[in-house]
Protein backbone atom coordinates (compact mmCIF):
# COMPACT_ATOMS: atom_id res chain seq x y z
CA MET A 1 -81.66 31.56 -7.31
CA PRO A 2 -82.28 28.32 -5.35
CA ALA A 3 -79.88 25.44 -5.86
CA ALA A 4 -81.01 22.61 -8.10
CA PRO A 5 -82.20 19.55 -6.17
CA ASN A 6 -79.55 16.91 -5.68
CA PRO A 7 -80.71 13.83 -7.61
CA ARG A 8 -78.74 11.59 -5.26
CA ALA A 9 -80.69 12.95 -2.30
CA GLU A 10 -83.99 12.32 -4.10
CA LEU A 11 -82.95 8.75 -4.87
CA LEU A 12 -82.10 8.26 -1.22
CA GLN A 13 -85.63 9.14 -0.12
CA GLY A 14 -87.00 6.29 -2.24
CA THR A 15 -84.49 3.75 -0.99
CA LEU A 16 -83.90 4.81 2.61
CA ASP A 17 -85.62 1.79 4.17
CA LEU A 18 -83.49 -0.60 2.11
CA LEU A 19 -80.30 1.26 3.02
CA ILE A 20 -81.18 1.17 6.72
CA LEU A 21 -81.94 -2.55 6.59
CA LYS A 22 -78.67 -3.26 4.78
CA THR A 23 -76.68 -1.14 7.23
CA LEU A 24 -78.18 -2.99 10.18
CA ALA A 25 -77.43 -6.37 8.57
CA LEU A 26 -73.85 -5.65 9.69
CA GLY A 27 -74.95 -5.44 13.34
CA PRO A 28 -76.93 -3.30 15.81
CA LEU A 29 -76.45 0.48 15.69
CA HIS A 30 -78.06 3.62 17.07
CA GLY A 31 -79.52 6.23 14.74
CA TYR A 32 -76.53 8.56 14.53
CA SER A 33 -74.23 5.62 13.79
CA ILE A 34 -76.53 4.43 11.01
CA ALA A 35 -76.32 7.84 9.33
CA GLN A 36 -72.53 7.95 9.80
CA ARG A 37 -72.04 4.45 8.37
CA LEU A 38 -74.16 5.25 5.30
CA ARG A 39 -72.19 8.44 4.74
CA GLN A 40 -68.86 6.65 5.21
CA ILE A 41 -69.63 3.62 3.03
CA SER A 42 -70.98 5.83 0.23
CA GLY A 43 -67.94 8.11 0.24
CA ASP A 44 -69.99 11.07 1.54
CA VAL A 45 -72.53 10.80 -1.31
CA LEU A 46 -75.42 9.60 0.86
CA GLN A 47 -76.11 11.92 3.77
CA VAL A 48 -79.25 11.09 5.71
CA ARG A 49 -80.84 13.87 7.71
CA GLN A 50 -82.29 13.19 11.15
CA GLY A 51 -85.69 14.37 9.90
CA SER A 52 -85.72 11.46 7.45
CA LEU A 53 -83.81 8.85 9.42
CA TYR A 54 -85.73 8.73 12.69
CA PRO A 55 -89.21 8.54 11.13
CA ALA A 56 -87.92 5.73 8.89
CA LEU A 57 -86.50 3.85 11.88
CA HIS A 58 -89.80 4.25 13.74
CA ARG A 59 -91.75 3.06 10.68
CA LEU A 60 -89.49 0.01 10.23
CA GLU A 61 -89.81 -0.83 13.92
CA GLN A 62 -93.61 -0.53 13.77
CA ARG A 63 -93.64 -2.90 10.77
CA GLY A 64 -91.69 -5.47 12.78
CA LEU A 65 -88.61 -5.22 10.55
CA LEU A 66 -86.42 -3.84 13.33
CA GLU A 67 -86.08 -4.57 17.03
CA ALA A 68 -84.88 -1.83 19.36
CA THR A 69 -83.35 -1.71 22.82
CA TRP A 70 -81.97 1.13 24.89
CA GLY A 71 -78.25 1.13 25.56
CA GLU A 72 -75.24 3.32 26.05
CA THR A 73 -73.24 4.78 23.15
CA GLU A 74 -69.47 4.86 22.95
CA THR A 75 -69.65 8.41 24.36
CA GLY A 76 -71.74 7.33 27.36
CA ARG A 77 -75.07 8.70 26.14
CA GLU A 78 -78.26 6.69 26.25
CA ALA A 79 -79.59 5.80 22.81
CA LYS A 80 -81.94 3.40 21.10
CA PHE A 81 -80.05 0.63 19.30
CA TYR A 82 -81.70 -1.03 16.32
CA LYS A 83 -81.16 -4.48 14.86
CA LEU A 84 -82.79 -6.50 12.11
CA SER A 85 -85.57 -8.84 13.12
CA ARG A 86 -86.05 -12.14 11.31
CA LYS A 87 -88.82 -10.46 9.32
CA GLY A 88 -86.45 -7.57 8.54
CA ARG A 89 -83.78 -9.90 7.22
CA ALA A 90 -86.32 -11.56 4.89
CA GLN A 91 -87.52 -8.14 3.74
CA LEU A 92 -83.92 -7.10 3.05
CA GLU A 93 -83.42 -10.16 0.86
CA ARG A 94 -86.59 -9.42 -1.14
CA GLU A 95 -85.85 -5.72 -1.54
CA THR A 96 -82.24 -6.38 -2.53
CA ALA A 97 -83.38 -8.77 -5.26
CA ASP A 98 -85.94 -6.22 -6.49
CA TRP A 99 -83.35 -3.41 -6.44
CA ASP A 100 -80.85 -5.56 -8.38
CA GLN A 101 -83.46 -6.23 -11.04
CA VAL A 102 -84.37 -2.55 -11.38
CA ALA A 103 -80.70 -1.49 -11.45
CA ARG A 104 -79.93 -3.98 -14.24
CA ALA A 105 -82.91 -2.69 -16.23
CA ILE A 106 -81.84 0.94 -15.81
CA TYR A 107 -78.29 0.10 -16.75
CA ALA A 108 -79.53 -1.69 -19.89
CA VAL A 109 -81.43 1.44 -20.92
CA LEU A 110 -78.48 3.73 -20.16
CA ARG A 111 -76.02 1.73 -22.25
CA THR A 112 -78.33 1.71 -25.25
CA ALA A 113 -76.68 3.44 -28.23
CA GLU A 114 -78.23 6.72 -29.28
């Protein structure tokens, strides 16, 4: 019998771009470090797979929300480092405000007495 889908993982797919933008607001990172930081900050709840992360990074870069440069990782490997562009920072502000509004609305529904 297949395992039930993890609702947290499904939520992540809908919010991955926002999470990437927020993670990069702290400073430039390469892909693996972005995934590690999300996992660490979320207490291992959010685990982003490479098959989702790298297409999202490429999409955000194509939209002008991220800028990328090649550099060397802490282990000496060459990697693409991403940082927020000015457009990306503005997008992060808009999406954060939208997410806050939706989260408040969901919370209001959840705390409604039965």
